[in-house]
């Protein structure tokens, strides 16, 4: 699945870690708002 500039991103759920607690977030929870998504694989690894 790919998304191009100008297309709506598909809804998804992602795992989160915030203020010492694990949780999840849905993209649809932020509908109608500006959202910046940043992914950096390998975080919390000892490479």
PDB file of N, CA and C in Angstrom:
ATOM      1  N   UNK A   1       0.852  -1.164   0.000  1.00  0.00           N
ATOM      2  CA  UNK A   1       0.000   0.000   0.000  1.00  0.00           C
ATOM      3  C   UNK A   1       0.902   1.233   0.000  1.00  0.00           C
ATOM      4  N   UNK A   2       0.585   2.165  -0.833  1.00  0.00           N
ATOM      5  CA  UNK A   2       1.348   3.400  -0.881  1.00  0.00           C
ATOM      6  C   UNK A   2       0.428   4.600  -0.864  1.00  0.00           C
ATOM      7  N   UNK A   3       0.957   5.698  -0.394  1.00  0.00           N
ATOM      8  CA  UNK A   3       0.204   6.939  -0.355  1.00  0.00           C
ATOM      9  C   UNK A   3       1.016   7.983  -1.090  1.00  0.00           C
ATOM     10  N   UNK A   4       0.345   8.767  -1.899  1.00  0.00           N
ATOM     11  CA  UNK A   4       1.017   9.828  -2.648  1.00  0.00           C
ATOM     12  C   UNK A   4       0.639  11.183  -2.066  1.00  0.00           C
ATOM     13  N   UNK A   5       1.457  12.161  -2.360  1.00  0.00           N
ATOM     14  CA  UNK A   5       1.187  13.518  -1.905  1.00  0.00           C
ATOM     15  C   UNK A   5      -0.184  13.945  -2.397  1.00  0.00           C
ATOM     16  N   UNK A   6      -0.965  14.497  -1.504  1.00  0.00           N
ATOM     17  CA  UNK A   6      -2.297  14.964  -1.852  1.00  0.00           C
ATOM     18  C   UNK A   6      -3.391  13.943  -1.594  1.00  0.00           C
ATOM     19  N   UNK A   7      -3.013  12.686  -1.353  1.00  0.00           N
ATOM     20  CA  UNK A   7      -3.999  11.660  -1.043  1.00  0.00           C
ATOM     21  C   UNK A   7      -4.206  11.579   0.469  1.00  0.00           C
ATOM     22  N   UNK A   8      -5.390  11.130   0.849  1.00  0.00           N
ATOM     23  CA  UNK A   8      -5.675  10.936   2.255  1.00  0.00           C
ATOM     24  C   UNK A   8      -4.973   9.669   2.731  1.00  0.00           C
ATOM     25  N   UNK A   9      -4.349   9.742   3.884  1.00  0.00           N
ATOM     26  CA  UNK A   9      -3.675   8.579   4.460  1.00  0.00           C
ATOM     27  C   UNK A   9      -4.722   7.594   4.970  1.00  0.00           C
ATOM     28  N   UNK A  10      -4.472   6.300   4.832  1.00  0.00           N
ATOM     29  CA  UNK A  10      -5.412   5.316   5.349  1.00  0.00           C
ATOM     30  C   UNK A  10      -5.388   5.321   6.881  1.00  0.00           C
ATOM     31  N   UNK A  11      -6.507   4.997   7.482  1.00  0.00           N
ATOM     32  CA  UNK A  11      -6.565   4.935   8.940  1.00  0.00           C
ATOM     33  C   UNK A  11      -5.703   3.775   9.438  1.00  0.00           C
ATOM     34  N   UNK A  12      -5.046   3.960  10.563  1.00  0.00           N
ATOM     35  CA  UNK A  12      -4.234   2.906  11.163  1.00  0.00           C
ATOM     36  C   UNK A  12      -4.171   3.113  12.664  1.00  0.00           C
ATOM     37  N   UNK A  13      -3.752   2.078  13.349  1.00  0.00           N
ATOM     38  CA  UNK A  13      -3.512   2.127  14.788  1.00  0.00           C
ATOM     39  C   UNK A  13      -2.038   1.859  15.011  1.00  0.00           C
ATOM     40  N   UNK A  14      -1.401   2.635  15.893  1.00  0.00           N
ATOM     41  CA  UNK A  14       0.019   2.473  16.169  1.00  0.00           C
ATOM     42  C   UNK A  14       0.246   2.413  17.672  1.00  0.00           C
ATOM     43  N   UNK A  15       1.242   1.639  18.059  1.00  0.00           N
ATOM     44  CA  UNK A  15       1.628   1.557  19.465  1.00  0.00           C
ATOM     45  C   UNK A  15       2.339   2.843  19.860  1.00  0.00           C
ATOM     46  N   UNK A  16       2.127   3.275  21.092  1.00  0.00           N
ATOM     47  CA  UNK A  16       2.770   4.494  21.591  1.00  0.00           C
ATOM     48  C   UNK A  16       3.423   4.232  22.938  1.00  0.00           C
ATOM     49  N   UNK A  17       4.351   5.090  23.271  1.00  0.00           N
ATOM     50  CA  UNK A  17       4.971   5.106  24.599  1.00  0.00           C
ATOM     51  C   UNK A  17       5.110   6.563  24.977  1.00  0.00           C
ATOM     52  N   UNK A  18       4.371   6.986  25.995  1.00  0.00           N
ATOM     53  CA  UNK A  18       4.344   8.402  26.370  1.00  0.00           C
ATOM     54  C   UNK A  18       4.277   8.526  27.882  1.00  0.00           C
ATOM     55  N   UNK A  19       5.203   9.299  28.432  1.00  0.00           N
ATOM     56  CA  UNK A  19       5.259   9.543  29.871  1.00  0.00           C
ATOM     57  C   UNK A  19       5.261   8.259  30.694  1.00  0.00           C
ATOM     58  N   UNK A  20       6.054   7.298  30.229  1.00  0.00           N
ATOM     59  CA  UNK A  20       6.239   6.066  30.982  1.00  0.00           C
ATOM     60  C   UNK A  20       5.144   5.036  30.828  1.00  0.00           C
ATOM     61  N   UNK A  21       4.217   5.247  29.897  1.00  0.00           N
ATOM     62  CA  UNK A  21       3.130   4.290  29.717  1.00  0.00           C
ATOM     63  C   UNK A  21       2.965   3.919  28.248  1.00  0.00           C
ATOM     64  N   UNK A  22       2.626   2.648  28.019  1.00  0.00           N
ATOM     65  CA  UNK A  22       2.344   2.175  26.673  1.00  0.00           C
ATOM     66  C   UNK A  22       0.872   2.405  26.360  1.00  0.00           C
ATOM     67  N   UNK A  23       0.577   2.631  25.099  1.00  0.00           N
ATOM     68  CA  UNK A  23      -0.803   2.852  24.680  1.00  0.00           C
ATOM     69  C   UNK A  23      -0.913   2.678  23.185  1.00  0.00           C
ATOM     70  N   UNK A  24      -1.952   3.234  22.599  1.00  0.00           N
ATOM     71  CA  UNK A  24      -2.127   3.189  21.154  1.00  0.00           C
ATOM     72  C   UNK A  24      -2.824   4.462  20.695  1.00  0.00           C
ATOM     73  N   UNK A  25      -2.672   4.742  19.430  1.00  0.00           N
ATOM     74  CA  UNK A  25      -3.294   5.922  18.828  1.00  0.00           C
ATOM     75  C   UNK A  25      -3.835   5.534  17.460  1.00  0.00           C
ATOM     76  N   UNK A  26      -4.988   6.074  17.117  1.00  0.00           N
ATOM     77  CA  UNK A  26      -5.583   5.869  15.794  1.00  0.00           C
ATOM     78  C   UNK A  26      -5.478   7.174  15.017  1.00  0.00           C
ATOM     79  N   UNK A  27      -5.157   7.080  13.752  1.00  0.00           N
ATOM     80  CA  UNK A  27      -5.088   8.277  12.929  1.00  0.00           C
ATOM     81  C   UNK A  27      -6.452   8.954  12.874  1.00  0.00           C
ATOM     82  N   UNK A  28      -7.510   8.172  12.866  1.00  0.00           N
ATOM     83  CA  UNK A  28      -8.863   8.740  12.779  1.00  0.00           C
ATOM     84  C   UNK A  28      -9.224   9.580  14.006  1.00  0.00           C
ATOM     85  N   UNK A  29      -8.503   9.402  15.122  1.00  0.00           N
ATOM     86  CA  UNK A  29      -8.743  10.227  16.312  1.00  0.00           C
ATOM     87  C   UNK A  29      -8.395  11.694  16.061  1.00  0.00           C
ATOM     88  N   UNK A  30      -7.619  11.945  15.023  1.00  0.00           N
ATOM     89  CA  UNK A  30      -7.141  13.295  14.738  1.00  0.00           C
ATOM     90  C   UNK A  30      -7.706  13.831  13.419  1.00  0.00           C
ATOM     91  N   UNK A  31      -8.832  13.289  12.992  1.00  0.00           N
ATOM     92  CA  UNK A  31      -9.456  13.713  11.728  1.00  0.00           C
ATOM     93  C   UNK A  31      -9.757  15.209  11.766  1.00  0.00           C
ATOM     94  N   UNK A  32      -9.451  15.881  10.674  1.00  0.00           N
ATOM     95  CA  UNK A  32      -9.702  17.314  10.567  1.00  0.00           C
ATOM     96  C   UNK A  32      -8.603  18.181  11.144  1.00  0.00           C
ATOM     97  N   UNK A  33      -7.528  17.572  11.649  1.00  0.00           N
ATOM     98  CA  UNK A  33      -6.406  18.321  12.227  1.00  0.00           C
ATOM     99  C   UNK A  33      -5.153  18.048  11.402  1.00  0.00           C
ATOM    100  N   UNK A  34      -4.201  18.953  11.482  1.00  0.00           N
ATOM    101  CA  UNK A  34      -2.901  18.722  10.867  1.00  0.00           C
ATOM    102  C   UNK A  34      -2.169  17.676  11.702  1.00  0.00           C
ATOM    103  N   UNK A  35      -1.549  16.712  11.022  1.00  0.00           N
ATOM    104  CA  UNK A  35      -0.827  15.634  11.705  1.00  0.00           C
ATOM    105  C   UNK A  35       0.513  15.431  11.018  1.00  0.00           C
ATOM    106  N   UNK A  36       1.565  15.327  11.797  1.00  0.00           N
ATOM    107  CA  UNK A  36       2.897  15.030  11.282  1.00  0.00           C
ATOM    108  C   UNK A  36       3.283  13.654  11.798  1.00  0.00           C
ATOM    109  N   UNK A  37       3.560  12.736  10.873  1.00  0.00           N
ATOM    110  CA  UNK A  37       3.936  11.375  11.245  1.00  0.00           C
ATOM    111  C   UNK A  37       5.433  11.195  11.033  1.00  0.00           C
ATOM    112  N   UNK A  38       6.121  10.763  12.051  1.00  0.00           N
ATOM    113  CA  UNK A  38       7.566  10.516  11.966  1.00  0.00           C
ATOM    114  C   UNK A  38       7.837   9.077  12.381  1.00  0.00           C
ATOM    115  N   UNK A  39       8.535   8.357  11.550  1.00  0.00           N
ATOM    116  CA  UNK A  39       8.897   6.969  11.838  1.00  0.00           C
ATOM    117  C   UNK A  39      10.403   6.854  11.815  1.00  0.00           C
ATOM    118  N   UNK A  40      10.957   6.203  12.804  1.00  0.00           N
ATOM    119  CA  UNK A  40      12.373   5.941  12.794  1.00  0.00           C
ATOM    120  C   UNK A  40      12.618   4.539  13.336  1.00  0.00           C
ATOM    121  N   UNK A  41      12.691   3.575  12.403  1.00  0.00           N
ATOM    122  CA  UNK A  41      12.899   2.188  12.811  1.00  0.00           C
ATOM    123  C   UNK A  41      14.226   2.016  13.515  1.00  0.00           C
ATOM    124  N   UNK A  42      14.246   1.110  14.425  1.00  0.00           N
ATOM    125  CA  UNK A  42      15.476   0.835  15.153  1.00  0.00           C
ATOM    126  C   UNK A  42      15.580   1.567  16.465  1.00  0.00           C
ATOM    127  N   UNK A  43      14.592   2.383  16.802  1.00  0.00           N
ATOM    128  CA  UNK A  43      14.617   3.068  18.084  1.00  0.00           C
ATOM    129  C   UNK A  43      14.544   2.033  19.196  1.00  0.00           C
ATOM    130  N   UNK A  44      15.212   2.288  20.278  1.00  0.00           N
ATOM    131  CA  UNK A  44      15.284   1.378  21.433  1.00  0.00           C
ATOM    132  C   UNK A  44      16.003   0.072  21.097  1.00  0.00           C
ATOM    133  N   UNK A  45      16.874   0.107  20.089  1.00  0.00           N
ATOM    134  CA  UNK A  45      17.692  -1.069  19.800  1.00  0.00           C
ATOM    135  C   UNK A  45      19.148  -0.743  20.118  1.00  0.00           C
ATOM    136  N   UNK A  46      19.914  -1.753  20.325  1.00  0.00           N
ATOM    137  CA  UNK A  46      21.317  -1.572  20.713  1.00  0.00           C
ATOM    138  C   UNK A  46      22.234  -1.856  19.527  1.00  0.00           C
ATOM    139  N   UNK A  47      22.044  -1.067  18.464  1.00  0.00           N
ATOM    140  CA  UNK A  47      22.846  -1.255  17.250  1.00  0.00           C
ATOM    141  C   UNK A  47      24.041  -0.347  17.324  1.00  0.00           C
TER     142      UNK A  47
END
